[in-house]
Amino acid sequence: MAVGVSCDPGVTPPIITGVSGQITLPATGNGAWSITVNGFCFGNTYPSTIAFGDGGATTQPSTTAPAIILVDQGSSGTSNNWGAGFGGDGIDIYLPTWTDNAITITGFGSSSGVGSTYPIASGDQIYIYLIGPDCPASTTPTWPTINNPPPTTVWPANCEASAETTVGSAFVTPVFPLGTILALLVPLAALGAYVAVKKGPAKYPNSH
């Protein structure tokens, strides 16, 4: 906990200080990517969840447990508009750890349809909404109004925090054109020839 921050669930709002890591493609499967939401007053109680067959889950708001939502709004803020990890969403997430200061998410559910039924692309804006514990409004999981920038949602200010991250591309091994390869090889060949000339022919001891 930061110096001067006193967490009083239901009174003190959660505070997000940053998001580390990145969502990359392909986005489904446990370990497909990893982000950590950092901050304070998230609640030390792991959320109530609905388990999915692929090992993921969605978080269920209650008067004692926190919850989280990830909303894909495409690259323009209006393209996709689907949410994951919350209430009755059909899109689950992998949520291995939740502490008062850090929440780690490691992928969208492998059978969630993300990437097919629910489009996702490099450059998409992902809004993260965090509902803190002991929040009376969180007992009614009404979907927030989706737009860009992030809206004021159905939860009061002392209940929620939000942040934004961007979907990035997975690393791709570079592919060099043939011309580039030849341009690299010719100087190397010339250098080898130069070394051979300077070195001269190999000398062997006289044999009898």
Protein backbone atom coordinates (compact mmCIF):
# COMPACT_ATOMS: atom_id res chain seq x y z
CA MET A 1 0.00 0.00 0.00
CA ALA A 2 1.29 3.48 -0.86
CA VAL A 3 2.19 5.89 1.90
CA GLY A 4 -0.90 7.94 2.75
CA VAL A 5 -3.37 5.56 1.07
CA SER A 6 -5.89 4.08 3.50
CA CYS A 7 -8.22 1.53 1.94
CA ASP A 8 -11.76 1.53 3.30
CA PRO A 9 -13.82 -0.85 1.11
CA GLY A 10 -17.00 0.75 -0.14
CA VAL A 11 -15.68 4.19 0.79
CA THR A 12 -12.20 4.50 -0.71
CA PRO A 13 -12.28 3.92 -4.49
CA PRO A 14 -9.78 1.52 -6.06
CA ILE A 15 -6.80 3.33 -7.58
CA ILE A 16 -5.11 2.07 -10.78
CA THR A 17 -1.56 3.40 -11.17
CA GLY A 18 -0.69 1.54 -14.36
CA VAL A 19 -0.94 -1.56 -16.51
CA SER A 20 2.21 -3.55 -17.28
CA GLY A 21 2.61 -6.21 -19.96
CA GLN A 22 0.57 -6.36 -23.15
CA ILE A 23 -2.32 -8.21 -24.75
CA THR A 24 -1.00 -9.84 -27.92
CA LEU A 25 -2.32 -12.01 -30.75
CA PRO A 26 -3.46 -14.74 -30.82
CA ALA A 27 -5.33 -13.68 -27.70
CA THR A 28 -6.99 -16.91 -26.49
CA GLY A 29 -5.61 -19.57 -24.18
CA ASN A 30 -4.08 -19.48 -20.72
CA GLY A 31 -0.68 -17.82 -21.05
CA ALA A 32 -1.39 -16.34 -24.49
CA TRP A 33 -0.40 -12.97 -22.99
CA SER A 34 -0.05 -11.39 -19.58
CA ILE A 35 -0.98 -8.02 -18.14
CA THR A 36 -0.83 -6.84 -14.55
CA VAL A 37 -3.09 -4.06 -13.29
CA ASN A 38 -1.17 -2.23 -10.56
CA GLY A 39 -2.52 0.08 -7.88
CA PHE A 40 -4.20 0.15 -4.49
CA CYS A 41 -7.44 -0.77 -2.75
CA PHE A 42 -8.42 -3.55 -5.18
CA GLY A 43 -9.53 -5.76 -2.30
CA ASN A 44 -7.69 -8.73 -0.86
CA THR A 45 -10.66 -11.03 -1.47
CA TYR A 46 -10.44 -13.03 -4.70
CA PRO A 47 -13.59 -12.38 -6.79
CA SER A 48 -16.57 -14.69 -6.86
CA THR A 49 -16.46 -16.39 -10.25
CA ILE A 50 -18.34 -18.57 -12.71
CA ALA A 51 -16.01 -21.29 -13.98
CA PHE A 52 -15.81 -22.24 -17.67
CA GLY A 53 -14.85 -25.56 -19.18
CA ASP A 54 -11.62 -24.15 -20.65
CA GLY A 55 -10.32 -23.24 -17.19
CA GLY A 56 -11.22 -19.57 -17.37
CA ALA A 57 -13.90 -17.67 -15.46
CA THR A 58 -15.94 -14.49 -15.23
CA THR A 59 -16.03 -12.39 -12.07
CA GLN A 60 -19.29 -11.91 -10.20
CA PRO A 61 -19.86 -8.62 -8.35
CA SER A 62 -21.16 -8.86 -4.81
CA THR A 63 -21.31 -6.73 -1.69
CA THR A 64 -18.08 -8.28 -0.43
CA ALA A 65 -16.02 -9.28 -3.50
CA PRO A 66 -14.56 -7.15 -6.30
CA ALA A 67 -14.92 -7.71 -10.06
CA ILE A 68 -13.26 -6.74 -13.32
CA ILE A 69 -14.31 -6.11 -16.93
CA LEU A 70 -12.21 -5.88 -20.10
CA VAL A 71 -13.94 -4.09 -22.99
CA ASP A 72 -12.61 -4.17 -26.57
CA GLN A 73 -13.62 -1.02 -28.42
CA GLY A 74 -11.65 -1.57 -31.60
CA SER A 75 -9.14 0.94 -32.92
CA SER A 76 -11.72 3.70 -33.43
CA GLY A 77 -13.73 3.28 -30.24
CA THR A 78 -16.82 2.01 -32.05
CA SER A 79 -15.79 -1.14 -33.92
CA ASN A 80 -16.11 -4.11 -31.62
CA ASN A 81 -17.69 -3.31 -28.26
CA TRP A 82 -17.55 -6.68 -26.55
CA GLY A 83 -16.73 -7.30 -22.92
CA ALA A 84 -14.99 -10.13 -21.09
CA GLY A 85 -14.56 -11.39 -17.56
CA PHE A 86 -17.68 -9.99 -15.97
CA GLY A 87 -21.11 -11.14 -14.83
CA GLY A 88 -22.96 -13.15 -17.45
CA ASP A 89 -20.44 -12.48 -20.23
CA GLY A 90 -19.89 -15.44 -22.49
CA ILE A 91 -16.22 -14.45 -22.73
CA ASP A 92 -14.08 -15.70 -19.87
CA ILE A 93 -10.58 -14.70 -18.79
CA TYR A 94 -7.71 -16.38 -16.97
CA LEU A 95 -7.20 -14.64 -13.63
CA PRO A 96 -4.44 -16.41 -11.69
CA THR A 97 -3.82 -13.77 -9.02
CA TRP A 98 -5.70 -10.95 -7.32
CA THR A 99 -4.28 -8.93 -4.45
CA ASP A 100 -4.99 -5.50 -3.00
CA ASN A 101 -2.20 -4.04 -5.16
CA ALA A 102 -2.01 -6.16 -8.32
CA ILE A 103 -4.28 -8.18 -10.60
CA THR A 104 -2.79 -10.48 -13.23
CA ILE A 105 -4.71 -11.67 -16.30
CA THR A 106 -3.14 -14.19 -18.68
CA GLY A 107 -5.51 -14.58 -21.63
CA PHE A 108 -9.06 -14.78 -22.91
CA GLY A 109 -10.74 -18.18 -22.62
CA SER A 110 -9.60 -20.68 -25.26
CA SER A 111 -13.23 -21.47 -26.16
CA SER A 112 -14.54 -17.91 -25.79
CA GLY A 113 -14.73 -17.06 -29.49
CA VAL A 114 -12.32 -14.13 -29.20
CA GLY A 115 -10.72 -13.72 -32.60
CA SER A 116 -13.66 -15.29 -34.43
CA THR A 117 -17.12 -14.48 -33.07
CA TYR A 118 -15.66 -11.52 -31.19
CA PRO A 119 -13.13 -9.66 -33.35
CA ILE A 120 -9.82 -8.46 -31.97
CA ALA A 121 -6.93 -6.83 -33.79
CA SER A 122 -3.59 -5.19 -33.14
CA GLY A 123 -4.20 -1.60 -32.13
CA ASP A 124 -7.57 -2.23 -30.47
CA GLN A 125 -8.25 -0.21 -27.33
CA ILE A 126 -9.02 -2.35 -24.29
CA TYR A 127 -10.68 -0.54 -21.41
CA ILE A 128 -10.31 -2.13 -17.98
CA TYR A 129 -13.00 -1.44 -15.40
CA LEU A 130 -12.38 -2.47 -11.81
CA ILE A 131 -15.21 -2.62 -9.29
CA GLY A 132 -13.96 -2.59 -5.73
CA PRO A 133 -15.24 -4.71 -2.83
CA ASP A 134 -18.14 -3.73 -0.58
CA CYS A 135 -19.77 -1.73 -3.34
CA PRO A 136 -23.59 -1.74 -3.03
CA ALA A 137 -24.08 -0.83 -6.70
CA SER A 138 -22.05 -3.83 -7.82
CA THR A 139 -24.84 -6.20 -6.77
CA THR A 140 -26.64 -5.17 -9.99
CA PRO A 141 -24.22 -5.96 -12.83
CA THR A 142 -25.61 -3.52 -15.41
CA TRP A 143 -23.46 -3.18 -18.51
CA PRO A 144 -21.70 0.20 -18.71
CA THR A 145 -22.32 2.55 -21.60
CA ILE A 146 -19.58 1.87 -24.13
CA ASN A 147 -17.96 4.79 -25.90
CA ASN A 148 -14.65 6.55 -26.24
CA PRO A 149 -13.31 7.98 -23.94
CA PRO A 150 -14.33 5.74 -21.04
CA PRO A 151 -17.78 6.65 -19.73
CA THR A 152 -19.11 7.24 -16.29
CA THR A 153 -20.58 3.82 -15.57
CA VAL A 154 -23.43 2.62 -13.37
CA TRP A 155 -21.13 2.38 -10.35
CA PRO A 156 -20.52 5.37 -8.08
CA ALA A 157 -17.11 7.01 -8.00
CA ASN A 158 -16.20 5.34 -4.71
CA CYS A 159 -16.62 1.91 -6.33
CA GLU A 160 -14.66 1.88 -9.57
CA ALA A 161 -11.46 2.69 -11.40
CA SER A 162 -10.59 2.38 -15.07
CA ALA A 163 -7.53 2.19 -17.28
CA GLU A 164 -6.72 1.63 -20.93
CA THR A 165 -4.28 -0.62 -22.76
CA THR A 166 -3.72 -1.43 -26.43
CA VAL A 167 -3.55 -4.78 -28.19
CA GLY A 168 -0.10 -5.38 -29.69
CA SER A 169 1.16 -7.81 -32.29
CA ALA A 170 2.93 -11.00 -31.32
CA PHE A 171 6.62 -11.13 -32.27
CA VAL A 172 7.16 -12.28 -35.85
CA THR A 173 10.52 -13.65 -37.01
CA PRO A 174 11.86 -11.20 -39.62
CA VAL A 175 11.87 -12.43 -43.23
CA PHE A 176 14.59 -10.88 -45.42
CA PRO A 177 14.20 -10.56 -49.22
CA LEU A 178 16.73 -12.42 -51.37
CA GLY A 179 18.33 -9.14 -52.44
CA THR A 180 18.98 -8.23 -48.81
CA ILE A 181 20.54 -11.63 -48.13
CA LEU A 182 22.85 -11.30 -51.17
CA ALA A 183 23.79 -7.77 -50.15
CA LEU A 184 24.90 -9.15 -46.80
CA LEU A 185 26.73 -12.17 -48.22
CA VAL A 186 28.82 -10.37 -50.89
CA PRO A 187 30.84 -8.25 -48.42
CA LEU A 188 31.36 -11.32 -46.22
CA ALA A 189 32.67 -13.29 -49.19
CA ALA A 190 35.00 -10.44 -50.16
CA LEU A 191 36.30 -10.25 -46.60
CA GLY A 192 36.99 -13.99 -46.63
CA ALA A 193 38.94 -13.71 -49.87
CA TYR A 194 40.98 -10.82 -48.52
CA VAL A 195 41.89 -12.75 -45.39
CA ALA A 196 42.93 -15.77 -47.48
CA VAL A 197 45.26 -13.63 -49.66
CA LYS A 198 46.88 -11.95 -46.69
CA LYS A 199 47.38 -15.25 -44.98
CA GLY A 200 48.96 -16.89 -48.03
CA PRO A 201 49.18 -20.59 -48.82
CA ALA A 202 49.52 -23.03 -46.00
CA LYS A 203 53.13 -24.07 -45.23
CA TYR A 204 53.98 -27.64 -44.34
CA PRO A 205 57.22 -29.06 -43.02
CA ASN A 206 59.41 -30.83 -45.59
CA SER A 207 58.82 -34.54 -45.59
CA HIS A 208 61.48 -37.16 -46.50
